[in-house]
Every structure is written in structure tokens, then in C-alpha cells.
Amino acid sequence: MKEVEIDGVVYTPKNSKESAEELDGMKYCIVRTYSAGVFAGYVKERNGKEGIVLQARRLWLWKGAASLSQLAMEGVKKPDECKFPCEAKKVELTEIIEVIECTKEAKKSIDSVPIWEK
């Protein structure tokens, strides 16, 4: 679910996001794994090739970025043509092979992609 603004006040659905305190200091990143795909979210912890990502969104198909590096820096240029399913509260990943910190612009772009439902 998305946030909604009413009379200048932003409301977030209950239990849809980790609290701001839990996310404090965590970086929003794109995480590529060997066999589970690519995720965008907050890297909570990392131990070698294993890690935990909060507010994780699997990046199944993207348009408007030639690489994950460009996606992390600029975001997508064609959000309506991307296929990003809903966000998972917490994902434990193994076989992490790449972590790229995102810019604020890229995060905003990733957030703008509609939830893909087949």
C-alpha cells in the first residue's frame, strides 16, 4: 500500500513499513544474488555472502536503465514498463554477489513503479 496525503499530512498504512528508528542508518541499495535475483531495499545486515534486506522489492524486469549501476544512480526511465512485485517486509538472502547503494532519485523512481500483479 502507498502512503496518502490528506490536508498536508502524510499517512502510512499500519504495519506496512519498518519504523523509522529501525531503518535509521541503513542504506537503500540494490542487492544482486547468484540465483535469487535482484532486490532493492534497506540492507540491515551482511555477513559475507548472506544478508538481510528490509522493505525488499524484487526487481524482476526493468526498462529505462542499461545496468544495475545505472538503475542505482538514476532509477528507471519507464516505470510503467517495469515488473516489480510488492514489497516484502524482510528477506534473508544467500549468495549475495553485488550491493550498490542507491541515490535518493533512484529510490524515488523504484518506489514509483506500480506493483506488478500477473
C-alpha atoms as a PDB file:
ATOM      1  CA  MET A   1       0.000   0.000   0.000  1.00  0.00           C
ATOM      2  CA  LYS A   2       1.118   3.518  -0.714  1.00  0.00           C
ATOM      3  CA  GLU A   3       1.231   6.486   1.597  1.00  0.00           C
ATOM      4  CA  VAL A   4      -1.578   9.013   1.235  1.00  0.00           C
ATOM      5  CA  GLU A   5      -1.512  12.748   1.919  1.00  0.00           C
ATOM      6  CA  ILE A   6      -4.584  14.480   3.335  1.00  0.00           C
ATOM      7  CA  ASP A   7      -4.533  18.206   4.124  1.00  0.00           C
ATOM      8  CA  GLY A   8      -0.739  18.214   4.128  1.00  0.00           C
ATOM      9  CA  VAL A   9      -0.392  15.224   6.480  1.00  0.00           C
ATOM     10  CA  VAL A  10       1.207  12.019   5.145  1.00  0.00           C
ATOM     11  CA  TYR A  11      -0.349   8.773   6.381  1.00  0.00           C
ATOM     12  CA  THR A  12       1.348   5.377   6.084  1.00  0.00           C
ATOM     13  CA  PRO A  13      -0.659   2.134   6.369  1.00  0.00           C
ATOM     14  CA  LYS A  14      -0.134   0.485   9.743  1.00  0.00           C
ATOM     15  CA  ASN A  15       2.491  -2.294   9.757  1.00  0.00           C
ATOM     16  CA  SER A  16       3.384  -1.679   6.115  1.00  0.00           C
ATOM     17  CA  LYS A  17       6.831  -0.276   6.841  1.00  0.00           C
ATOM     18  CA  GLU A  18       9.573  -0.803   9.380  1.00  0.00           C
ATOM     19  CA  SER A  19       9.679   2.052  11.876  1.00  0.00           C
ATOM     20  CA  ALA A  20      11.939   4.987  11.073  1.00  0.00           C
ATOM     21  CA  GLU A  21      14.066   4.061  14.096  1.00  0.00           C
ATOM     22  CA  GLU A  22      14.733   0.569  12.692  1.00  0.00           C
ATOM     23  CA  LEU A  23      15.785   1.985   9.320  1.00  0.00           C
ATOM     24  CA  ASP A  24      17.964   4.724  10.826  1.00  0.00           C
ATOM     25  CA  GLY A  25      21.443   4.481   9.392  1.00  0.00           C
ATOM     26  CA  MET A  26      20.620   1.733   6.885  1.00  0.00           C
ATOM     27  CA  LYS A  27      21.379   2.314   3.234  1.00  0.00           C
ATOM     28  CA  TYR A  28      18.833   1.744   0.479  1.00  0.00           C
ATOM     29  CA  CYS A  29      20.609  -0.495  -2.009  1.00  0.00           C
ATOM     30  CA  ILE A  30      20.204  -2.782  -4.966  1.00  0.00           C
ATOM     31  CA  VAL A  31      21.311  -6.282  -3.991  1.00  0.00           C
ATOM     32  CA  ARG A  32      22.116  -8.875  -6.661  1.00  0.00           C
ATOM     33  CA  THR A  33      22.297 -12.529  -5.721  1.00  0.00           C
ATOM     34  CA  TYR A  34      23.713 -15.501  -7.556  1.00  0.00           C
ATOM     35  CA  SER A  35      20.403 -17.335  -8.005  1.00  0.00           C
ATOM     36  CA  ALA A  36      17.539 -15.483  -6.269  1.00  0.00           C
ATOM     37  CA  GLY A  37      17.567 -12.402  -8.467  1.00  0.00           C
ATOM     38  CA  VAL A  38      17.838  -8.700  -7.716  1.00  0.00           C
ATOM     39  CA  PHE A  39      16.262  -6.815  -4.810  1.00  0.00           C
ATOM     40  CA  ALA A  40      16.010  -3.164  -3.758  1.00  0.00           C
ATOM     41  CA  GLY A  41      15.705  -2.352  -0.077  1.00  0.00           C
ATOM     42  CA  TYR A  42      17.433  -1.453   3.171  1.00  0.00           C
ATOM     43  CA  VAL A  43      20.430  -3.648   3.980  1.00  0.00           C
ATOM     44  CA  LYS A  44      20.043  -4.455   7.673  1.00  0.00           C
ATOM     45  CA  GLU A  45      22.983  -6.796   7.993  1.00  0.00           C
ATOM     46  CA  ARG A  46      25.552  -8.517   5.875  1.00  0.00           C
ATOM     47  CA  ASN A  47      27.858 -11.395   6.734  1.00  0.00           C
ATOM     48  CA  GLY A  48      29.929 -12.497   3.749  1.00  0.00           C
ATOM     49  CA  LYS A  49      27.518 -13.676   1.067  1.00  0.00           C
ATOM     50  CA  GLU A  50      24.499 -13.646   3.390  1.00  0.00           C
ATOM     51  CA  GLY A  51      22.378 -10.698   4.409  1.00  0.00           C
ATOM     52  CA  ILE A  52      19.021  -9.346   5.486  1.00  0.00           C
ATOM     53  CA  VAL A  53      17.157  -6.749   3.429  1.00  0.00           C
ATOM     54  CA  LEU A  54      14.142  -4.874   4.810  1.00  0.00           C
ATOM     55  CA  GLN A  55      11.354  -3.403   2.684  1.00  0.00           C
ATOM     56  CA  ALA A  56      12.712  -5.579  -0.109  1.00  0.00           C
ATOM     57  CA  ARG A  57      11.271  -5.321  -3.570  1.00  0.00           C
ATOM     58  CA  ARG A  58      12.316  -7.892  -6.171  1.00  0.00           C
ATOM     59  CA  LEU A  59      13.360  -6.167  -9.399  1.00  0.00           C
ATOM     60  CA  TRP A  60      12.079  -8.731 -11.854  1.00  0.00           C
ATOM     61  CA  LEU A  61      12.155  -6.645 -15.064  1.00  0.00           C
ATOM     62  CA  TRP A  62      13.180  -3.040 -15.584  1.00  0.00           C
ATOM     63  CA  LYS A  63      13.105  -0.648 -18.538  1.00  0.00           C
ATOM     64  CA  GLY A  64      14.979   2.589 -18.940  1.00  0.00           C
ATOM     65  CA  ALA A  65      18.259   1.626 -17.265  1.00  0.00           C
ATOM     66  CA  ALA A  66      21.011  -0.243 -19.088  1.00  0.00           C
ATOM     67  CA  SER A  67      22.556  -1.792 -15.961  1.00  0.00           C
ATOM     68  CA  LEU A  68      22.044  -2.192 -12.235  1.00  0.00           C
ATOM     69  CA  SER A  69      24.653   0.522 -11.699  1.00  0.00           C
ATOM     70  CA  GLN A  70      22.637   2.978 -13.795  1.00  0.00           C
ATOM     71  CA  LEU A  71      19.443   1.875 -12.053  1.00  0.00           C
ATOM     72  CA  ALA A  72      21.053   2.585  -8.645  1.00  0.00           C
ATOM     73  CA  MET A  73      22.223   6.042  -9.755  1.00  0.00           C
ATOM     74  CA  GLU A  74      19.336   7.279 -11.931  1.00  0.00           C
ATOM     75  CA  GLY A  75      16.396   4.952 -11.401  1.00  0.00           C
ATOM     76  CA  VAL A  76      14.163   3.743 -14.229  1.00  0.00           C
ATOM     77  CA  LYS A  77      13.018   5.938 -17.084  1.00  0.00           C
ATOM     78  CA  LYS A  78       9.949   3.835 -17.926  1.00  0.00           C
ATOM     79  CA  PRO A  79       8.295   2.876 -14.596  1.00  0.00           C
ATOM     80  CA  ASP A  80       5.071   1.688 -16.238  1.00  0.00           C
ATOM     81  CA  GLU A  81       7.017  -0.921 -18.239  1.00  0.00           C
ATOM     82  CA  CYS A  82       8.808  -2.405 -15.216  1.00  0.00           C
ATOM     83  CA  LYS A  83       7.748  -5.506 -13.303  1.00  0.00           C
ATOM     84  CA  PHE A  84       8.428  -5.076  -9.583  1.00  0.00           C
ATOM     85  CA  PRO A  85       6.152  -7.126  -7.285  1.00  0.00           C
ATOM     86  CA  CYS A  86       5.036  -5.900  -3.877  1.00  0.00           C
ATOM     87  CA  GLU A  87       7.482  -5.187  -1.101  1.00  0.00           C
ATOM     88  CA  ALA A  88       8.405  -7.901   1.410  1.00  0.00           C
ATOM     89  CA  LYS A  89       8.944  -6.771   4.992  1.00  0.00           C
ATOM     90  CA  LYS A  90      12.117  -8.847   5.386  1.00  0.00           C
ATOM     91  CA  VAL A  91      14.142 -11.073   3.059  1.00  0.00           C
ATOM     92  CA  GLU A  92      17.082 -13.228   4.120  1.00  0.00           C
ATOM     93  CA  LEU A  93      19.387 -13.642   1.141  1.00  0.00           C
ATOM     94  CA  THR A  94      22.244 -16.020   0.469  1.00  0.00           C
ATOM     95  CA  GLU A  95      24.813 -15.855  -2.309  1.00  0.00           C
ATOM     96  CA  ILE A  96      24.923 -12.058  -2.458  1.00  0.00           C
ATOM     97  CA  ILE A  97      27.349 -11.069  -5.198  1.00  0.00           C
ATOM     98  CA  GLU A  98      26.780  -7.319  -5.518  1.00  0.00           C
ATOM     99  CA  VAL A  99      25.443  -4.453  -3.394  1.00  0.00           C
ATOM    100  CA  ILE A 100      25.050  -0.991  -4.936  1.00  0.00           C
ATOM    101  CA  GLU A 101      23.954   1.969  -2.829  1.00  0.00           C
ATOM    102  CA  CYS A 102      21.096   3.932  -4.424  1.00  0.00           C
ATOM    103  CA  THR A 103      20.705   7.661  -4.785  1.00  0.00           C
ATOM    104  CA  LYS A 104      17.568   9.343  -3.448  1.00  0.00           C
ATOM    105  CA  GLU A 105      16.491   9.885  -7.067  1.00  0.00           C
ATOM    106  CA  ALA A 106      16.799   6.158  -7.811  1.00  0.00           C
ATOM    107  CA  LYS A 107      14.855   5.149  -4.678  1.00  0.00           C
ATOM    108  CA  LYS A 108      12.062   7.554  -5.578  1.00  0.00           C
ATOM    109  CA  SER A 109      11.974   6.083  -9.085  1.00  0.00           C
ATOM    110  CA  ILE A 110      11.858   2.481  -7.806  1.00  0.00           C
ATOM    111  CA  ASP A 111       9.064   3.444  -5.402  1.00  0.00           C
ATOM    112  CA  SER A 112       7.119   4.943  -8.319  1.00  0.00           C
ATOM    113  CA  VAL A 113       6.910   1.624 -10.171  1.00  0.00           C
ATOM    114  CA  PRO A 114       3.384   0.203  -9.795  1.00  0.00           C
ATOM    115  CA  ILE A 115       3.104  -3.159  -8.020  1.00  0.00           C
ATOM    116  CA  TRP A 116       3.192  -5.822 -10.689  1.00  0.00           C
ATOM    117  CA  GLU A 117       0.420  -8.376 -10.418  1.00  0.00           C
ATOM    118  CA  LYS A 118       0.123 -11.006 -13.096  1.00  0.00           C
END
